[in-house]
Amino acid sequence: MRTNLTRFEPLFSEPFDDFFKRVLRPVRWEVEMPEMEIKLDVHEADADYTVKAEIPGVRKEDIGVEIDGNVVTLRAETKQEKDVKEQGRLIRSERYYGAMSRSFTLGHEVDETKAEAKYADGILTLTLPKKVQTPVKKLAVS
């Protein structure tokens, strides 16, 4: 009868090697840029809608508003840059470029000729007058 003897060395076995490789591996610290989204508040009055859209960090030239009947679409392009310097040397540079859009449907069609848009302090304010509804004309059948 023949037996094989194996020497057990816990500090150099595979489970311990894997553990130390994971622990001693260089750590990468990356900060994810938050996903940009347009947040809305929509208020309805008798004659119009008031929409407040939160679009921070975007220039007003990079904002677009489209009105198609009772569907409103907001589009914005954003560009964020952040450079971290220490003693005049660039240590980290983070950039984010992206586009975002949001569409929503209102209960009434919008009179786009009278609609207004203002942008200040990261808030886009839309005043969207309701289109005057023409009464339904009933025809008499003869």
N, C-alpha and C. Protein backbone atom coordinates (compact mmCIF):
# COMPACT_ATOMS: atom_id res chain seq x y z
N MET A 1 0.83 -1.17 0.00
CA MET A 1 0.00 0.00 0.00
C MET A 1 0.88 1.24 0.00
N ARG A 2 0.53 2.14 -0.86
CA ARG A 2 1.34 3.34 -1.03
C ARG A 2 0.51 4.57 -0.65
N THR A 3 1.02 5.50 0.11
CA THR A 3 0.32 6.73 0.49
C THR A 3 1.12 7.94 0.03
N ASN A 4 0.40 8.94 -0.36
CA ASN A 4 1.04 10.19 -0.77
C ASN A 4 0.83 11.22 0.33
N LEU A 5 1.87 11.81 0.76
CA LEU A 5 1.79 12.86 1.76
C LEU A 5 1.98 14.20 1.08
N THR A 6 1.13 15.14 1.46
CA THR A 6 1.21 16.49 0.90
C THR A 6 1.43 17.46 2.03
N ARG A 7 2.29 18.36 1.82
CA ARG A 7 2.58 19.36 2.84
C ARG A 7 1.56 20.50 2.73
N PHE A 8 0.91 20.86 3.82
CA PHE A 8 -0.10 21.93 3.84
C PHE A 8 0.55 23.23 4.28
N GLU A 9 0.48 24.23 3.42
CA GLU A 9 1.02 25.55 3.76
C GLU A 9 -0.11 26.56 3.60
N PRO A 10 -0.76 26.94 4.70
CA PRO A 10 -1.94 27.80 4.60
C PRO A 10 -1.66 29.18 4.01
N LEU A 11 -0.47 29.70 4.19
CA LEU A 11 -0.20 31.05 3.68
C LEU A 11 0.01 31.08 2.17
N PHE A 12 0.22 29.95 1.57
CA PHE A 12 0.49 29.94 0.14
C PHE A 12 -0.51 29.09 -0.64
N SER A 13 -1.61 28.73 -0.02
CA SER A 13 -2.62 27.96 -0.73
C SER A 13 -3.48 28.90 -1.57
N GLU A 14 -4.21 28.33 -2.52
CA GLU A 14 -4.97 29.14 -3.47
C GLU A 14 -6.00 30.06 -2.82
N PRO A 15 -6.81 29.61 -1.86
CA PRO A 15 -7.78 30.55 -1.28
C PRO A 15 -7.11 31.76 -0.63
N PHE A 16 -5.98 31.54 0.03
CA PHE A 16 -5.29 32.66 0.66
C PHE A 16 -4.65 33.56 -0.38
N ASP A 17 -4.08 32.95 -1.44
CA ASP A 17 -3.50 33.76 -2.52
C ASP A 17 -4.56 34.67 -3.13
N ASP A 18 -5.74 34.12 -3.42
CA ASP A 18 -6.82 34.92 -3.99
C ASP A 18 -7.24 36.05 -3.05
N PHE A 19 -7.33 35.73 -1.77
CA PHE A 19 -7.71 36.74 -0.79
C PHE A 19 -6.71 37.90 -0.79
N PHE A 20 -5.41 37.57 -0.71
CA PHE A 20 -4.39 38.62 -0.65
C PHE A 20 -4.30 39.40 -1.96
N LYS A 21 -4.53 38.73 -3.07
CA LYS A 21 -4.53 39.43 -4.35
C LYS A 21 -5.64 40.47 -4.39
N ARG A 22 -6.81 40.11 -3.86
CA ARG A 22 -7.93 41.06 -3.84
C ARG A 22 -7.69 42.20 -2.87
N VAL A 23 -7.14 41.89 -1.71
CA VAL A 23 -6.91 42.91 -0.69
C VAL A 23 -5.80 43.87 -1.11
N LEU A 24 -4.75 43.34 -1.70
CA LEU A 24 -3.60 44.17 -2.03
C LEU A 24 -3.67 44.78 -3.43
N ARG A 25 -4.74 44.52 -4.15
CA ARG A 25 -4.92 45.08 -5.49
C ARG A 25 -5.09 46.59 -5.39
N PRO A 26 -4.52 47.36 -6.31
CA PRO A 26 -4.71 48.81 -6.29
C PRO A 26 -6.19 49.15 -6.44
N VAL A 27 -6.62 50.12 -5.69
CA VAL A 27 -8.02 50.52 -5.69
C VAL A 27 -8.20 51.70 -6.63
N ARG A 28 -9.20 51.61 -7.48
CA ARG A 28 -9.53 52.71 -8.38
C ARG A 28 -10.72 53.45 -7.81
N TRP A 29 -10.54 54.71 -7.53
CA TRP A 29 -11.64 55.53 -7.01
C TRP A 29 -12.21 56.30 -8.18
N GLU A 30 -13.40 55.91 -8.59
CA GLU A 30 -14.07 56.61 -9.68
C GLU A 30 -15.42 57.08 -9.17
N VAL A 31 -15.70 58.30 -9.46
CA VAL A 31 -16.98 58.87 -9.08
C VAL A 31 -17.86 58.87 -10.31
N GLU A 32 -19.00 58.23 -10.22
CA GLU A 32 -19.92 58.23 -11.35
C GLU A 32 -20.63 59.57 -11.40
N MET A 33 -20.74 60.09 -12.61
CA MET A 33 -21.48 61.33 -12.80
C MET A 33 -22.97 60.97 -12.71
N PRO A 34 -23.74 61.78 -12.02
CA PRO A 34 -25.16 61.47 -11.91
C PRO A 34 -25.84 61.55 -13.27
N GLU A 35 -26.77 60.66 -13.49
CA GLU A 35 -27.50 60.69 -14.74
C GLU A 35 -28.40 61.92 -14.75
N MET A 36 -28.31 62.66 -15.83
CA MET A 36 -29.08 63.89 -15.91
C MET A 36 -30.51 63.57 -16.31
N GLU A 37 -31.45 64.20 -15.67
CA GLU A 37 -32.85 64.04 -16.02
C GLU A 37 -33.56 65.36 -15.78
N ILE A 38 -34.64 65.54 -16.50
CA ILE A 38 -35.43 66.76 -16.39
C ILE A 38 -36.60 66.45 -15.46
N LYS A 39 -36.68 67.20 -14.36
CA LYS A 39 -37.77 67.03 -13.40
C LYS A 39 -38.80 68.13 -13.65
N LEU A 40 -40.07 67.77 -13.57
CA LEU A 40 -41.15 68.69 -13.94
C LEU A 40 -42.15 68.93 -12.82
N ASP A 41 -42.70 70.14 -12.82
CA ASP A 41 -43.91 70.48 -12.08
C ASP A 41 -44.87 71.07 -13.12
N VAL A 42 -46.07 70.53 -13.21
CA VAL A 42 -47.06 71.02 -14.18
C VAL A 42 -48.30 71.46 -13.40
N HIS A 43 -48.68 72.71 -13.61
CA HIS A 43 -49.87 73.27 -12.96
C HIS A 43 -50.86 73.68 -14.05
N GLU A 44 -52.13 73.38 -13.81
CA GLU A 44 -53.17 73.73 -14.79
C GLU A 44 -54.09 74.79 -14.20
N ALA A 45 -54.36 75.80 -15.00
CA ALA A 45 -55.35 76.82 -14.67
C ALA A 45 -56.44 76.74 -15.74
N ASP A 46 -57.44 77.60 -15.63
CA ASP A 46 -58.52 77.56 -16.61
C ASP A 46 -58.03 77.86 -18.02
N ALA A 47 -57.11 78.82 -18.16
CA ALA A 47 -56.71 79.27 -19.49
C ALA A 47 -55.36 78.74 -19.96
N ASP A 48 -54.54 78.23 -19.03
CA ASP A 48 -53.20 77.81 -19.46
C ASP A 48 -52.59 76.78 -18.53
N TYR A 49 -51.42 76.30 -18.94
CA TYR A 49 -50.59 75.42 -18.11
C TYR A 49 -49.31 76.18 -17.78
N THR A 50 -48.80 75.95 -16.58
CA THR A 50 -47.49 76.46 -16.20
C THR A 50 -46.61 75.26 -15.88
N VAL A 51 -45.49 75.18 -16.58
CA VAL A 51 -44.57 74.06 -16.41
C VAL A 51 -43.26 74.62 -15.88
N LYS A 52 -42.76 74.03 -14.81
CA LYS A 52 -41.44 74.37 -14.30
C LYS A 52 -40.58 73.12 -14.44
N ALA A 53 -39.51 73.25 -15.23
CA ALA A 53 -38.61 72.13 -15.49
C ALA A 53 -37.25 72.44 -14.89
N GLU A 54 -36.76 71.52 -14.10
CA GLU A 54 -35.45 71.68 -13.46
C GLU A 54 -34.38 71.15 -14.42
N ILE A 55 -33.56 72.08 -14.95
CA ILE A 55 -32.48 71.71 -15.88
C ILE A 55 -31.22 72.46 -15.45
N PRO A 56 -30.57 72.03 -14.38
CA PRO A 56 -29.41 72.77 -13.88
C PRO A 56 -28.16 72.56 -14.72
N GLY A 57 -27.31 73.56 -14.74
CA GLY A 57 -26.02 73.45 -15.40
C GLY A 57 -26.06 73.48 -16.90
N VAL A 58 -27.15 73.95 -17.48
CA VAL A 58 -27.31 74.00 -18.93
C VAL A 58 -27.49 75.45 -19.34
N ARG A 59 -26.84 75.81 -20.44
CA ARG A 59 -27.02 77.18 -20.95
C ARG A 59 -28.35 77.26 -21.68
N LYS A 60 -28.99 78.44 -21.65
CA LYS A 60 -30.31 78.56 -22.28
C LYS A 60 -30.24 78.34 -23.79
N GLU A 61 -29.07 78.58 -24.39
CA GLU A 61 -28.90 78.34 -25.82
C GLU A 61 -28.94 76.84 -26.15
N ASP A 62 -28.73 76.00 -25.16
CA ASP A 62 -28.69 74.55 -25.36
C ASP A 62 -30.01 73.86 -25.00
N ILE A 63 -31.08 74.65 -24.83
CA ILE A 63 -32.39 74.12 -24.47
C ILE A 63 -33.33 74.30 -25.65
N GLY A 64 -34.10 73.26 -25.94
CA GLY A 64 -35.10 73.33 -27.01
C GLY A 64 -36.45 72.90 -26.50
N VAL A 65 -37.50 73.56 -26.96
CA VAL A 65 -38.87 73.23 -26.58
C VAL A 65 -39.67 73.04 -27.87
N GLU A 66 -40.35 71.91 -27.97
CA GLU A 66 -41.20 71.64 -29.13
C GLU A 66 -42.63 71.39 -28.66
N ILE A 67 -43.59 71.98 -29.37
CA ILE A 67 -45.00 71.80 -29.04
C ILE A 67 -45.69 71.24 -30.27
N ASP A 68 -46.35 70.11 -30.10
CA ASP A 68 -47.09 69.48 -31.19
C ASP A 68 -48.47 69.11 -30.65
N GLY A 69 -49.41 70.04 -30.83
CA GLY A 69 -50.76 69.82 -30.30
C GLY A 69 -50.75 69.86 -28.80
N ASN A 70 -50.95 68.71 -28.14
CA ASN A 70 -50.93 68.68 -26.68
C ASN A 70 -49.69 67.94 -26.15
N VAL A 71 -48.72 67.66 -27.03
CA VAL A 71 -47.47 66.99 -26.63
C VAL A 71 -46.34 68.03 -26.59
N VAL A 72 -45.68 68.10 -25.45
CA VAL A 72 -44.58 69.04 -25.26
C VAL A 72 -43.30 68.22 -25.07
N THR A 73 -42.24 68.59 -25.79
CA THR A 73 -40.96 67.91 -25.68
C THR A 73 -39.90 68.93 -25.30
N LEU A 74 -39.14 68.62 -24.26
CA LEU A 74 -38.03 69.46 -23.81
C LEU A 74 -36.74 68.71 -24.13
N ARG A 75 -35.76 69.41 -24.69
CA ARG A 75 -34.46 68.83 -24.99
C ARG A 75 -33.38 69.76 -24.46
N ALA A 76 -32.30 69.16 -23.97
CA ALA A 76 -31.18 69.96 -23.47
C ALA A 76 -29.89 69.19 -23.67
N GLU A 77 -28.84 69.91 -23.96
CA GLU A 77 -27.51 69.33 -24.04
C GLU A 77 -26.68 69.91 -22.91
N THR A 78 -25.95 69.04 -22.26
CA THR A 78 -25.17 69.49 -21.11
C THR A 78 -23.70 69.17 -21.30
N LYS A 79 -22.89 70.00 -20.70
CA LYS A 79 -21.44 69.81 -20.74
C LYS A 79 -20.93 70.21 -19.37
N GLN A 80 -20.38 69.25 -18.64
CA GLN A 80 -19.85 69.54 -17.32
C GLN A 80 -18.38 69.16 -17.28
N GLU A 81 -17.57 70.05 -16.79
CA GLU A 81 -16.15 69.79 -16.67
C GLU A 81 -15.70 70.13 -15.26
N LYS A 82 -14.81 69.30 -14.73
CA LYS A 82 -14.28 69.56 -13.40
C LYS A 82 -12.82 69.16 -13.40
N ASP A 83 -11.94 70.11 -13.18
CA ASP A 83 -10.51 69.84 -13.09
C ASP A 83 -10.07 70.04 -11.65
N VAL A 84 -9.31 69.10 -11.12
CA VAL A 84 -8.77 69.20 -9.77
C VAL A 84 -7.26 69.38 -9.90
N LYS A 85 -6.77 70.48 -9.36
CA LYS A 85 -5.34 70.77 -9.45
C LYS A 85 -4.74 70.88 -8.05
N GLU A 86 -3.53 70.40 -7.92
CA GLU A 86 -2.77 70.54 -6.68
C GLU A 86 -1.41 71.11 -7.03
N GLN A 87 -1.08 72.20 -6.42
CA GLN A 87 0.22 72.86 -6.62
C GLN A 87 0.49 73.10 -8.11
N GLY A 88 -0.56 73.52 -8.84
CA GLY A 88 -0.40 73.84 -10.25
C GLY A 88 -0.39 72.65 -11.18
N ARG A 89 -0.45 71.43 -10.65
CA ARG A 89 -0.46 70.23 -11.49
C ARG A 89 -1.88 69.69 -11.59
N LEU A 90 -2.24 69.23 -12.74
CA LEU A 90 -3.55 68.62 -12.93
C LEU A 90 -3.51 67.21 -12.36
N ILE A 91 -4.35 66.96 -11.37
CA ILE A 91 -4.40 65.66 -10.70
C ILE A 91 -5.53 64.81 -11.30
N ARG A 92 -6.69 65.41 -11.54
CA ARG A 92 -7.85 64.68 -12.05
C ARG A 92 -8.67 65.61 -12.93
N SER A 93 -9.20 65.07 -14.00
CA SER A 93 -10.06 65.84 -14.89
C SER A 93 -11.28 64.99 -15.19
N GLU A 94 -12.46 65.53 -14.94
CA GLU A 94 -13.69 64.79 -15.18
C GLU A 94 -14.55 65.61 -16.14
N ARG A 95 -15.05 64.94 -17.16
CA ARG A 95 -15.89 65.62 -18.14
C ARG A 95 -17.13 64.78 -18.38
N TYR A 96 -18.25 65.46 -18.62
CA TYR A 96 -19.50 64.78 -18.93
C TYR A 96 -20.18 65.58 -20.02
N TYR A 97 -20.49 64.91 -21.10
CA TYR A 97 -21.23 65.52 -22.18
C TYR A 97 -22.44 64.63 -22.43
N GLY A 98 -23.57 65.23 -22.61
CA GLY A 98 -24.74 64.39 -22.86
C GLY A 98 -25.95 65.20 -23.27
N ALA A 99 -26.94 64.48 -23.69
CA ALA A 99 -28.21 65.08 -24.09
C ALA A 99 -29.32 64.42 -23.28
N MET A 100 -30.34 65.19 -23.01
CA MET A 100 -31.48 64.65 -22.28
C MET A 100 -32.74 65.21 -22.91
N SER A 101 -33.81 64.47 -22.78
CA SER A 101 -35.09 64.96 -23.30
C SER A 101 -36.21 64.38 -22.46
N ARG A 102 -37.33 65.05 -22.54
CA ARG A 102 -38.50 64.61 -21.79
C ARG A 102 -39.73 65.09 -22.55
N SER A 103 -40.66 64.18 -22.77
CA SER A 103 -41.92 64.52 -23.43
C SER A 103 -43.07 64.23 -22.48
N PHE A 104 -44.11 65.04 -22.58
CA PHE A 104 -45.30 64.80 -21.77
C PHE A 104 -46.52 65.29 -22.53
N THR A 105 -47.65 64.73 -22.17
CA THR A 105 -48.91 65.05 -22.84
C THR A 105 -49.81 65.82 -21.89
N LEU A 106 -50.39 66.89 -22.41
CA LEU A 106 -51.32 67.70 -21.62
C LEU A 106 -52.75 67.35 -22.02
N GLY A 107 -53.71 67.76 -21.19
CA GLY A 107 -55.11 67.44 -21.44
C GLY A 107 -55.74 68.23 -22.57
N HIS A 108 -55.17 69.38 -22.91
CA HIS A 108 -55.69 70.23 -23.97
C HIS A 108 -54.56 70.59 -24.92
N GLU A 109 -54.94 70.92 -26.16
CA GLU A 109 -53.93 71.39 -27.10
C GLU A 109 -53.43 72.76 -26.67
N VAL A 110 -52.16 73.04 -27.01
CA VAL A 110 -51.50 74.28 -26.62
C VAL A 110 -51.50 75.24 -27.80
N ASP A 111 -51.79 76.51 -27.53
CA ASP A 111 -51.68 77.56 -28.55
C ASP A 111 -50.22 77.98 -28.61
N GLU A 112 -49.46 77.33 -29.52
CA GLU A 112 -48.02 77.55 -29.57
C GLU A 112 -47.64 78.97 -29.97
N THR A 113 -48.55 79.72 -30.60
CA THR A 113 -48.23 81.11 -30.99
C THR A 113 -48.15 82.03 -29.78
N LYS A 114 -48.81 81.67 -28.69
CA LYS A 114 -48.81 82.51 -27.48
C LYS A 114 -47.96 81.93 -26.35
N ALA A 115 -47.32 80.80 -26.59
CA ALA A 115 -46.53 80.15 -25.54
C ALA A 115 -45.26 80.95 -25.26
N GLU A 116 -44.82 80.91 -23.98
CA GLU A 116 -43.62 81.64 -23.56
C GLU A 116 -42.71 80.70 -22.78
N ALA A 117 -41.39 80.95 -22.90
CA ALA A 117 -40.40 80.16 -22.16
C ALA A 117 -39.37 81.10 -21.58
N LYS A 118 -39.07 80.91 -20.29
CA LYS A 118 -38.04 81.71 -19.60
C LYS A 118 -37.15 80.74 -18.83
N TYR A 119 -35.84 81.04 -18.82
CA TYR A 119 -34.88 80.19 -18.13
C TYR A 119 -34.05 81.04 -17.19
N ALA A 120 -34.07 80.69 -15.91
CA ALA A 120 -33.26 81.42 -14.91
C ALA A 120 -32.94 80.48 -13.76
N ASP A 121 -31.70 80.52 -13.29
CA ASP A 121 -31.25 79.76 -12.13
C ASP A 121 -31.53 78.27 -12.24
N GLY A 122 -31.37 77.71 -13.46
CA GLY A 122 -31.54 76.29 -13.66
C GLY A 122 -32.98 75.82 -13.79
N ILE A 123 -33.92 76.77 -13.81
CA ILE A 123 -35.34 76.42 -13.92
C ILE A 123 -35.90 77.01 -15.22
N LEU A 124 -36.46 76.15 -16.06
CA LEU A 124 -37.15 76.57 -17.27
C LEU A 124 -38.63 76.69 -16.93
N THR A 125 -39.20 77.87 -17.14
CA THR A 125 -40.61 78.11 -16.86
C THR A 125 -41.34 78.32 -18.17
N LEU A 126 -42.32 77.47 -18.42
CA LEU A 126 -43.13 77.56 -19.63
C LEU A 126 -44.53 78.01 -19.27
N THR A 127 -45.05 78.95 -20.03
CA THR A 127 -46.45 79.33 -19.92
C THR A 127 -47.09 78.90 -21.22
N LEU A 128 -48.00 77.93 -21.12
CA LEU A 128 -48.58 77.31 -22.31
C LEU A 128 -50.09 77.53 -22.32
N PRO A 129 -50.56 78.57 -23.05
CA PRO A 129 -52.00 78.84 -23.12
C PRO A 129 -52.74 77.70 -23.83
N LYS A 130 -53.91 77.41 -23.33
CA LYS A 130 -54.74 76.38 -23.97
C LYS A 130 -55.33 76.96 -25.25
N LYS A 131 -55.39 76.11 -26.27
CA LYS A 131 -55.99 76.52 -27.54
C LYS A 131 -57.49 76.61 -27.34
N VAL A 132 -58.08 77.67 -27.87
CA VAL A 132 -59.52 77.87 -27.74
C VAL A 132 -60.22 76.79 -28.54
N GLN A 133 -61.06 76.07 -27.88
CA GLN A 133 -61.79 74.98 -28.52
C GLN A 133 -62.96 75.55 -29.31
N THR A 134 -63.06 75.18 -30.55
CA THR A 134 -64.22 75.60 -31.33
C THR A 134 -65.34 74.62 -31.03
N PRO A 135 -66.53 75.14 -30.83
CA PRO A 135 -67.62 74.24 -30.49
C PRO A 135 -67.91 73.29 -31.66
N VAL A 136 -68.35 72.13 -31.31
CA VAL A 136 -68.70 71.14 -32.32
C VAL A 136 -69.95 71.57 -33.04
N LYS A 137 -69.87 71.60 -34.35
CA LYS A 137 -71.02 72.03 -35.14
C LYS A 137 -71.81 70.79 -35.54
N LYS A 138 -73.07 70.82 -35.23
CA LYS A 138 -73.93 69.69 -35.59
C LYS A 138 -74.71 70.06 -36.87
N LEU A 139 -74.69 69.16 -37.76
CA LEU A 139 -75.42 69.38 -39.02
C LEU A 139 -76.77 68.68 -38.93
N ALA A 140 -77.73 69.36 -39.46
CA ALA A 140 -79.04 68.78 -39.53
C ALA A 140 -79.10 67.90 -40.78
N VAL A 141 -79.62 66.74 -40.62
CA VAL A 141 -79.76 65.83 -41.74
C VAL A 141 -81.11 66.08 -42.40
N SER A 142 -81.07 66.33 -43.72
CA SER A 142 -82.34 66.60 -44.42
C SER A 142 -82.71 65.46 -45.33
